[in-house]
Amino acid sequence: MDRLRQRADFLAVANGVRANSAAFVVQGRLRDDDGPIRVGFTVTKKNGTATERNRIRRRLRELVKRLDVIPMRPHHDYVLVGRRAALHRDFATMLNDLRQAMHRLDRQPAKPAKAVSSEGGSRQENAKVNANENAAKAKDTGTSRNPN
């Protein structure tokens, strides 16, 4: 079992199926390659200070270590998103929650891969497109922001 480390991999898993729990959210995604199971962990800043976030992350890593590999499917990526409740929730309960969440992930149909749309892009590109659209609208209505 390997770790997810690159942002692009985390974003790809975020588009997959998910199962919620009180202490974490499990996200899963089938990969197209024949690689091993990969697991990533993330905890947002709203969950507390750095030491609290690290403690949540450590508890999530230990959950995955103690979980049997059987519920995890080969050629899949998983991400555990920690919640504040993971700090004080009973560890045995969290382990049971993870088993149930993995079972729920298996029952959900896999989401199709999203096609890359031309509407995406950087903020600058979107701002240019919006400015061009606004200029075209102003031209059609005969009004303009610039009085000159």
N, C-alpha and C. Protein backbone atom coordinates (compact mmCIF):
# COMPACT_ATOMS: atom_id res chain seq x y z
N MET A 1 0.85 -1.17 0.00
CA MET A 1 0.00 0.00 0.00
C MET A 1 0.89 1.24 0.00
N ASP A 2 0.65 2.13 -0.95
CA ASP A 2 1.44 3.34 -1.09
C ASP A 2 0.64 4.55 -0.62
N ARG A 3 1.33 5.69 -0.55
CA ARG A 3 0.70 6.93 -0.12
C ARG A 3 0.47 7.84 -1.32
N LEU A 4 -0.62 8.58 -1.28
CA LEU A 4 -0.86 9.66 -2.25
C LEU A 4 -0.11 10.88 -1.75
N ARG A 5 0.60 11.55 -2.64
CA ARG A 5 1.37 12.71 -2.21
C ARG A 5 1.17 13.92 -3.12
N GLN A 6 0.75 13.73 -4.34
CA GLN A 6 0.62 14.86 -5.26
C GLN A 6 -0.80 15.40 -5.28
N ARG A 7 -0.90 16.71 -5.38
CA ARG A 7 -2.20 17.39 -5.35
C ARG A 7 -3.14 16.89 -6.45
N ALA A 8 -2.61 16.63 -7.63
CA ALA A 8 -3.43 16.16 -8.74
C ALA A 8 -4.11 14.84 -8.40
N ASP A 9 -3.42 13.97 -7.68
CA ASP A 9 -4.02 12.69 -7.29
C ASP A 9 -5.15 12.91 -6.29
N PHE A 10 -4.96 13.84 -5.34
CA PHE A 10 -6.02 14.14 -4.37
C PHE A 10 -7.24 14.72 -5.07
N LEU A 11 -7.01 15.60 -6.05
CA LEU A 11 -8.12 16.20 -6.79
C LEU A 11 -8.87 15.15 -7.61
N ALA A 12 -8.15 14.20 -8.17
CA ALA A 12 -8.79 13.15 -8.96
C ALA A 12 -9.67 12.28 -8.07
N VAL A 13 -9.20 11.96 -6.87
CA VAL A 13 -9.98 11.14 -5.95
C VAL A 13 -11.21 11.91 -5.46
N ALA A 14 -11.08 13.22 -5.33
CA ALA A 14 -12.21 14.03 -4.87
C ALA A 14 -13.40 13.94 -5.82
N ASN A 15 -13.15 13.61 -7.09
CA ASN A 15 -14.24 13.47 -8.06
C ASN A 15 -14.87 12.08 -8.02
N GLY A 16 -14.35 11.19 -7.19
CA GLY A 16 -14.88 9.83 -7.12
C GLY A 16 -16.01 9.72 -6.12
N VAL A 17 -16.25 8.50 -5.67
CA VAL A 17 -17.32 8.23 -4.71
C VAL A 17 -16.84 8.57 -3.31
N ARG A 18 -17.80 8.83 -2.41
CA ARG A 18 -17.44 9.17 -1.04
C ARG A 18 -18.42 8.57 -0.05
N ALA A 19 -17.92 8.38 1.17
CA ALA A 19 -18.75 7.89 2.27
C ALA A 19 -18.40 8.71 3.50
N ASN A 20 -19.42 9.19 4.18
CA ASN A 20 -19.22 10.06 5.34
C ASN A 20 -19.25 9.27 6.64
N SER A 21 -18.54 9.79 7.61
CA SER A 21 -18.53 9.25 8.96
C SER A 21 -18.44 10.44 9.90
N ALA A 22 -18.62 10.21 11.19
CA ALA A 22 -18.55 11.32 12.13
C ALA A 22 -17.13 11.89 12.23
N ALA A 23 -16.12 11.05 12.08
CA ALA A 23 -14.74 11.48 12.29
C ALA A 23 -13.97 11.73 11.00
N PHE A 24 -14.51 11.30 9.87
CA PHE A 24 -13.79 11.46 8.61
C PHE A 24 -14.72 11.23 7.43
N VAL A 25 -14.23 11.60 6.25
CA VAL A 25 -14.89 11.29 4.98
C VAL A 25 -13.92 10.42 4.20
N VAL A 26 -14.40 9.33 3.63
CA VAL A 26 -13.56 8.48 2.79
C VAL A 26 -13.96 8.72 1.35
N GLN A 27 -12.97 9.02 0.51
CA GLN A 27 -13.19 9.20 -0.92
C GLN A 27 -12.43 8.10 -1.64
N GLY A 28 -13.02 7.58 -2.70
CA GLY A 28 -12.37 6.50 -3.43
C GLY A 28 -12.51 6.68 -4.93
N ARG A 29 -11.54 6.13 -5.66
CA ARG A 29 -11.54 6.25 -7.12
C ARG A 29 -10.77 5.09 -7.72
N LEU A 30 -11.35 4.48 -8.76
CA LEU A 30 -10.68 3.43 -9.51
C LEU A 30 -9.70 4.06 -10.49
N ARG A 31 -8.47 3.56 -10.48
CA ARG A 31 -7.45 4.06 -11.42
C ARG A 31 -7.42 3.19 -12.65
N ASP A 32 -6.82 3.71 -13.72
CA ASP A 32 -6.71 2.98 -14.97
C ASP A 32 -5.47 2.11 -15.04
N ASP A 33 -4.54 2.28 -14.11
CA ASP A 33 -3.29 1.51 -14.17
C ASP A 33 -3.36 0.28 -13.27
N ASP A 34 -2.28 -0.48 -13.24
CA ASP A 34 -2.23 -1.70 -12.45
C ASP A 34 -1.42 -1.52 -11.17
N GLY A 35 -1.32 -0.32 -10.68
CA GLY A 35 -0.52 -0.03 -9.50
C GLY A 35 -1.18 -0.51 -8.22
N PRO A 36 -0.47 -0.38 -7.11
CA PRO A 36 -0.99 -0.82 -5.82
C PRO A 36 -2.06 0.14 -5.29
N ILE A 37 -2.69 -0.25 -4.22
CA ILE A 37 -3.63 0.61 -3.52
C ILE A 37 -2.85 1.80 -2.97
N ARG A 38 -3.40 3.00 -3.13
CA ARG A 38 -2.76 4.19 -2.59
C ARG A 38 -3.75 4.91 -1.68
N VAL A 39 -3.23 5.44 -0.57
CA VAL A 39 -4.07 6.11 0.41
C VAL A 39 -3.46 7.46 0.73
N GLY A 40 -4.32 8.49 0.80
CA GLY A 40 -3.89 9.83 1.18
C GLY A 40 -4.68 10.32 2.37
N PHE A 41 -4.10 11.24 3.10
CA PHE A 41 -4.73 11.79 4.30
C PHE A 41 -4.68 13.30 4.23
N THR A 42 -5.77 13.95 4.59
CA THR A 42 -5.79 15.40 4.60
C THR A 42 -6.69 15.89 5.73
N VAL A 43 -6.28 17.00 6.32
CA VAL A 43 -7.05 17.63 7.39
C VAL A 43 -6.97 19.13 7.15
N THR A 44 -8.11 19.79 7.07
CA THR A 44 -8.12 21.22 6.77
C THR A 44 -7.80 22.04 8.01
N LYS A 45 -7.44 23.29 7.78
CA LYS A 45 -7.06 24.17 8.88
C LYS A 45 -8.22 24.50 9.81
N LYS A 46 -9.43 24.34 9.35
CA LYS A 46 -10.57 24.66 10.22
C LYS A 46 -10.73 23.63 11.34
N ASN A 47 -9.96 22.55 11.28
CA ASN A 47 -10.05 21.51 12.30
C ASN A 47 -9.17 21.78 13.51
N GLY A 48 -8.44 22.87 13.52
CA GLY A 48 -7.67 23.21 14.71
C GLY A 48 -6.26 23.63 14.38
N THR A 49 -5.44 23.67 15.43
CA THR A 49 -4.05 24.08 15.28
C THR A 49 -3.26 22.97 14.59
N ALA A 50 -2.01 23.27 14.28
CA ALA A 50 -1.18 22.30 13.57
C ALA A 50 -1.01 21.01 14.37
N THR A 51 -0.84 21.13 15.69
CA THR A 51 -0.67 19.91 16.49
C THR A 51 -1.93 19.07 16.50
N GLU A 52 -3.10 19.71 16.53
CA GLU A 52 -4.36 18.96 16.49
C GLU A 52 -4.55 18.30 15.13
N ARG A 53 -4.23 19.02 14.06
CA ARG A 53 -4.35 18.44 12.72
C ARG A 53 -3.40 17.26 12.54
N ASN A 54 -2.19 17.39 13.05
CA ASN A 54 -1.24 16.28 12.97
C ASN A 54 -1.71 15.07 13.77
N ARG A 55 -2.33 15.32 14.91
CA ARG A 55 -2.85 14.21 15.71
C ARG A 55 -3.98 13.50 14.98
N ILE A 56 -4.86 14.26 14.34
CA ILE A 56 -5.94 13.67 13.55
C ILE A 56 -5.35 12.83 12.43
N ARG A 57 -4.36 13.38 11.74
CA ARG A 57 -3.72 12.66 10.63
C ARG A 57 -3.05 11.38 11.11
N ARG A 58 -2.38 11.43 12.26
CA ARG A 58 -1.75 10.23 12.81
C ARG A 58 -2.78 9.16 13.15
N ARG A 59 -3.91 9.58 13.71
CA ARG A 59 -4.96 8.61 14.05
C ARG A 59 -5.54 7.97 12.79
N LEU A 60 -5.71 8.76 11.74
CA LEU A 60 -6.22 8.22 10.49
C LEU A 60 -5.24 7.23 9.87
N ARG A 61 -3.94 7.56 9.92
CA ARG A 61 -2.93 6.64 9.39
C ARG A 61 -2.94 5.32 10.15
N GLU A 62 -3.09 5.40 11.46
CA GLU A 62 -3.11 4.18 12.27
C GLU A 62 -4.37 3.35 11.97
N LEU A 63 -5.48 4.01 11.69
CA LEU A 63 -6.70 3.28 11.30
C LEU A 63 -6.45 2.44 10.06
N VAL A 64 -5.83 3.06 9.06
CA VAL A 64 -5.59 2.36 7.80
C VAL A 64 -4.60 1.21 8.01
N LYS A 65 -3.60 1.42 8.87
CA LYS A 65 -2.65 0.33 9.15
C LYS A 65 -3.35 -0.86 9.79
N ARG A 66 -4.30 -0.60 10.67
CA ARG A 66 -4.98 -1.69 11.37
C ARG A 66 -6.13 -2.30 10.57
N LEU A 67 -6.57 -1.62 9.55
CA LEU A 67 -7.66 -2.14 8.72
C LEU A 67 -7.13 -3.26 7.84
N ASP A 68 -7.92 -4.30 7.70
CA ASP A 68 -7.53 -5.36 6.78
C ASP A 68 -7.50 -4.80 5.38
N VAL A 69 -6.63 -5.32 4.56
CA VAL A 69 -6.53 -4.84 3.18
C VAL A 69 -7.71 -5.36 2.35
N ILE A 70 -8.41 -6.35 2.85
CA ILE A 70 -9.50 -6.98 2.11
C ILE A 70 -10.57 -5.98 1.67
N PRO A 71 -11.05 -5.04 2.53
CA PRO A 71 -12.09 -4.12 2.05
C PRO A 71 -11.59 -3.13 0.99
N MET A 72 -10.29 -2.95 0.89
CA MET A 72 -9.76 -2.04 -0.11
C MET A 72 -9.58 -2.78 -1.42
N ARG A 73 -10.03 -2.16 -2.48
CA ARG A 73 -9.98 -2.78 -3.80
C ARG A 73 -8.66 -2.48 -4.49
N PRO A 74 -8.12 -3.46 -5.23
CA PRO A 74 -6.89 -3.19 -5.96
C PRO A 74 -7.11 -2.13 -7.04
N HIS A 75 -6.06 -1.42 -7.38
CA HIS A 75 -6.06 -0.38 -8.41
C HIS A 75 -6.96 0.80 -8.02
N HIS A 76 -7.11 1.04 -6.74
CA HIS A 76 -7.93 2.15 -6.25
C HIS A 76 -7.06 3.14 -5.48
N ASP A 77 -7.51 4.39 -5.47
CA ASP A 77 -6.94 5.42 -4.61
C ASP A 77 -8.00 5.77 -3.57
N TYR A 78 -7.57 6.00 -2.35
CA TYR A 78 -8.47 6.40 -1.27
C TYR A 78 -7.89 7.63 -0.59
N VAL A 79 -8.77 8.54 -0.17
CA VAL A 79 -8.37 9.70 0.61
C VAL A 79 -9.26 9.76 1.84
N LEU A 80 -8.64 9.91 3.00
CA LEU A 80 -9.38 10.11 4.23
C LEU A 80 -9.25 11.58 4.61
N VAL A 81 -10.39 12.26 4.68
CA VAL A 81 -10.44 13.67 5.05
C VAL A 81 -10.86 13.72 6.51
N GLY A 82 -9.94 14.14 7.36
CA GLY A 82 -10.21 14.13 8.80
C GLY A 82 -11.14 15.23 9.23
N ARG A 83 -11.94 14.93 10.23
CA ARG A 83 -12.82 15.91 10.86
C ARG A 83 -12.39 16.09 12.31
N ARG A 84 -12.88 17.15 12.91
CA ARG A 84 -12.51 17.47 14.30
C ARG A 84 -12.89 16.36 15.26
N ALA A 85 -13.96 15.65 15.00
CA ALA A 85 -14.41 14.57 15.90
C ALA A 85 -13.38 13.45 16.00
N ALA A 86 -12.45 13.36 15.05
CA ALA A 86 -11.43 12.31 15.09
C ALA A 86 -10.47 12.49 16.25
N LEU A 87 -10.41 13.68 16.83
CA LEU A 87 -9.53 13.91 17.97
C LEU A 87 -9.96 13.12 19.20
N HIS A 88 -11.25 13.05 19.45
CA HIS A 88 -11.74 12.49 20.72
C HIS A 88 -12.60 11.25 20.56
N ARG A 89 -12.86 10.86 19.35
CA ARG A 89 -13.71 9.68 19.12
C ARG A 89 -12.95 8.42 19.50
N ASP A 90 -13.66 7.45 20.06
CA ASP A 90 -13.05 6.19 20.46
C ASP A 90 -12.43 5.51 19.24
N PHE A 91 -11.20 4.99 19.40
CA PHE A 91 -10.48 4.43 18.27
C PHE A 91 -11.17 3.20 17.70
N ALA A 92 -11.69 2.35 18.56
CA ALA A 92 -12.39 1.14 18.08
C ALA A 92 -13.63 1.53 17.28
N THR A 93 -14.31 2.57 17.71
CA THR A 93 -15.49 3.05 16.97
C THR A 93 -15.08 3.59 15.61
N MET A 94 -13.96 4.32 15.58
CA MET A 94 -13.48 4.86 14.31
C MET A 94 -13.07 3.74 13.35
N LEU A 95 -12.47 2.69 13.88
CA LEU A 95 -12.09 1.56 13.03
C LEU A 95 -13.33 0.88 12.44
N ASN A 96 -14.36 0.74 13.25
CA ASN A 96 -15.62 0.18 12.77
C ASN A 96 -16.25 1.12 11.73
N ASP A 97 -16.19 2.43 11.98
CA ASP A 97 -16.71 3.40 11.02
C ASP A 97 -15.99 3.29 9.68
N LEU A 98 -14.67 3.08 9.71
CA LEU A 98 -13.90 2.96 8.48
C LEU A 98 -14.29 1.70 7.71
N ARG A 99 -14.49 0.60 8.41
CA ARG A 99 -14.93 -0.64 7.75
C ARG A 99 -16.28 -0.43 7.07
N GLN A 100 -17.20 0.21 7.78
CA GLN A 100 -18.52 0.46 7.21
C GLN A 100 -18.44 1.42 6.02
N ALA A 101 -17.60 2.43 6.13
CA ALA A 101 -17.46 3.39 5.03
C ALA A 101 -16.89 2.71 3.79
N MET A 102 -15.91 1.82 3.97
CA MET A 102 -15.34 1.10 2.83
C MET A 102 -16.41 0.21 2.19
N HIS A 103 -17.24 -0.39 3.01
CA HIS A 103 -18.33 -1.22 2.47
C HIS A 103 -19.32 -0.37 1.68
N ARG A 104 -19.63 0.84 2.19
CA ARG A 104 -20.54 1.73 1.47
C ARG A 104 -19.94 2.21 0.15
N LEU A 105 -18.62 2.42 0.14
CA LEU A 105 -17.96 2.82 -1.11
C LEU A 105 -18.10 1.73 -2.17
N ASP A 106 -18.00 0.48 -1.76
CA ASP A 106 -18.11 -0.63 -2.71
C ASP A 106 -19.50 -0.73 -3.31
N ARG A 107 -20.51 -0.34 -2.56
CA ARG A 107 -21.88 -0.44 -3.06
C ARG A 107 -22.25 0.70 -4.00
N GLN A 108 -21.51 1.81 -3.95
CA GLN A 108 -21.83 2.95 -4.80
C GLN A 108 -21.28 2.72 -6.20
N PRO A 109 -22.04 3.12 -7.22
CA PRO A 109 -21.51 3.00 -8.58
C PRO A 109 -20.38 4.01 -8.79
N ALA A 110 -19.40 3.62 -9.56
CA ALA A 110 -18.27 4.50 -9.84
C ALA A 110 -18.74 5.67 -10.69
N LYS A 111 -18.29 6.86 -10.34
CA LYS A 111 -18.64 8.05 -11.12
C LYS A 111 -17.80 8.06 -12.39
N PRO A 112 -18.40 8.42 -13.52
CA PRO A 112 -17.60 8.51 -14.74
C PRO A 112 -16.61 9.66 -14.64
N ALA A 113 -15.50 9.52 -15.33
CA ALA A 113 -14.48 10.57 -15.31
C ALA A 113 -15.05 11.81 -15.97
N LYS A 114 -14.81 12.95 -15.36
CA LYS A 114 -15.31 14.21 -15.90
C LYS A 114 -14.46 14.62 -17.09
N ALA A 115 -15.12 15.06 -18.12
CA ALA A 115 -14.40 15.55 -19.30
C ALA A 115 -13.85 16.93 -18.99
N VAL A 116 -12.72 17.23 -19.54
CA VAL A 116 -12.13 18.55 -19.34
C VAL A 116 -12.90 19.54 -20.19
N SER A 117 -13.45 20.55 -19.55
CA SER A 117 -14.26 21.52 -20.27
C SER A 117 -13.43 22.75 -20.61
N SER A 118 -13.88 23.43 -21.64
CA SER A 118 -13.18 24.66 -22.03
C SER A 118 -13.54 25.82 -21.12
N GLU A 119 -14.54 25.63 -20.26
CA GLU A 119 -14.96 26.70 -19.37
C GLU A 119 -14.05 26.82 -18.16
N GLY A 120 -13.22 25.82 -17.91
CA GLY A 120 -12.29 25.88 -16.80
C GLY A 120 -11.19 26.87 -17.12
N GLY A 121 -10.17 26.88 -16.33
CA GLY A 121 -9.04 27.75 -16.62
C GLY A 121 -8.71 28.62 -15.44
N SER A 122 -7.75 29.47 -15.66
CA SER A 122 -7.30 30.33 -14.57
C SER A 122 -8.27 31.48 -14.37
N ARG A 123 -8.09 32.16 -13.28
CA ARG A 123 -8.93 33.32 -12.99
C ARG A 123 -8.72 34.42 -14.02
N GLN A 124 -7.48 34.56 -14.44
CA GLN A 124 -7.19 35.59 -15.44
C GLN A 124 -7.91 35.29 -16.75
N GLU A 125 -7.89 34.02 -17.18
CA GLU A 125 -8.57 33.66 -18.41
C GLU A 125 -10.07 33.89 -18.28
N ASN A 126 -10.63 33.50 -17.13
CA ASN A 126 -12.07 33.71 -16.91
C ASN A 126 -12.41 35.19 -16.88
N ALA A 127 -11.55 36.01 -16.30
CA ALA A 127 -11.79 37.45 -16.24
C ALA A 127 -11.79 38.05 -17.64
N LYS A 128 -10.87 37.58 -18.49
CA LYS A 128 -10.82 38.08 -19.86
C LYS A 128 -12.08 37.70 -20.63
N VAL A 129 -12.52 36.46 -20.45
CA VAL A 129 -13.74 36.00 -21.14
C VAL A 129 -14.93 36.82 -20.67
N ASN A 130 -15.04 37.04 -19.35
CA ASN A 130 -16.15 37.83 -18.82
C ASN A 130 -16.10 39.26 -19.32
N ALA A 131 -14.91 39.85 -19.39
CA ALA A 131 -14.78 41.22 -19.89
C ALA A 131 -15.21 41.30 -21.35
N ASN A 132 -14.81 40.32 -22.15
CA ASN A 132 -15.21 40.31 -23.55
C ASN A 132 -16.72 40.15 -23.70
N GLU A 133 -17.32 39.29 -22.88
CA GLU A 133 -18.78 39.11 -22.93
C GLU A 133 -19.50 40.40 -22.53
N ASN A 134 -19.00 41.06 -21.49
CA ASN A 134 -19.62 42.32 -21.04
C ASN A 134 -19.48 43.40 -22.10
N ALA A 135 -18.34 43.46 -22.77
CA ALA A 135 -18.15 44.45 -23.83
C ALA A 135 -19.11 44.19 -24.99
N ALA A 136 -19.31 42.92 -25.31
CA ALA A 136 -20.23 42.58 -26.40
C ALA A 136 -21.66 42.95 -26.03
N LYS A 137 -22.05 42.74 -24.78
CA LYS A 137 -23.39 43.10 -24.33
C LYS A 137 -23.57 44.61 -24.38
N ALA A 138 -22.56 45.34 -23.92
CA ALA A 138 -22.65 46.80 -23.93
C ALA A 138 -22.74 47.33 -25.36
N LYS A 139 -22.06 46.70 -26.27
CA LYS A 139 -22.08 47.10 -27.67
C LYS A 139 -23.47 46.86 -28.25
N ASP A 140 -24.09 45.74 -27.86
CA ASP A 140 -25.43 45.41 -28.36
C ASP A 140 -26.47 46.39 -27.84
N THR A 141 -26.33 46.82 -26.60
CA THR A 141 -27.33 47.71 -26.01
C THR A 141 -27.02 49.17 -26.26
N GLY A 142 -25.86 49.46 -26.79
CA GLY A 142 -25.50 50.83 -27.09
C GLY A 142 -24.97 51.59 -25.89
N THR A 143 -24.73 50.92 -24.79
CA THR A 143 -24.19 51.57 -23.60
C THR A 143 -22.76 51.11 -23.39
N SER A 144 -22.05 51.92 -22.70
CA SER A 144 -20.66 51.61 -22.40
C SER A 144 -20.30 52.17 -21.05
N ARG A 145 -19.36 51.56 -20.38
CA ARG A 145 -18.91 52.09 -19.10
C ARG A 145 -18.08 53.35 -19.30
N ASN A 146 -17.37 53.40 -20.39
CA ASN A 146 -16.50 54.54 -20.67
C ASN A 146 -17.32 55.62 -21.37
N PRO A 147 -17.51 56.80 -20.74
CA PRO A 147 -18.35 57.83 -21.35
C PRO A 147 -17.68 58.51 -22.53
N ASN A 148 -16.40 58.32 -22.76
CA ASN A 148 -15.70 59.00 -23.85
C ASN A 148 -15.93 58.35 -25.16
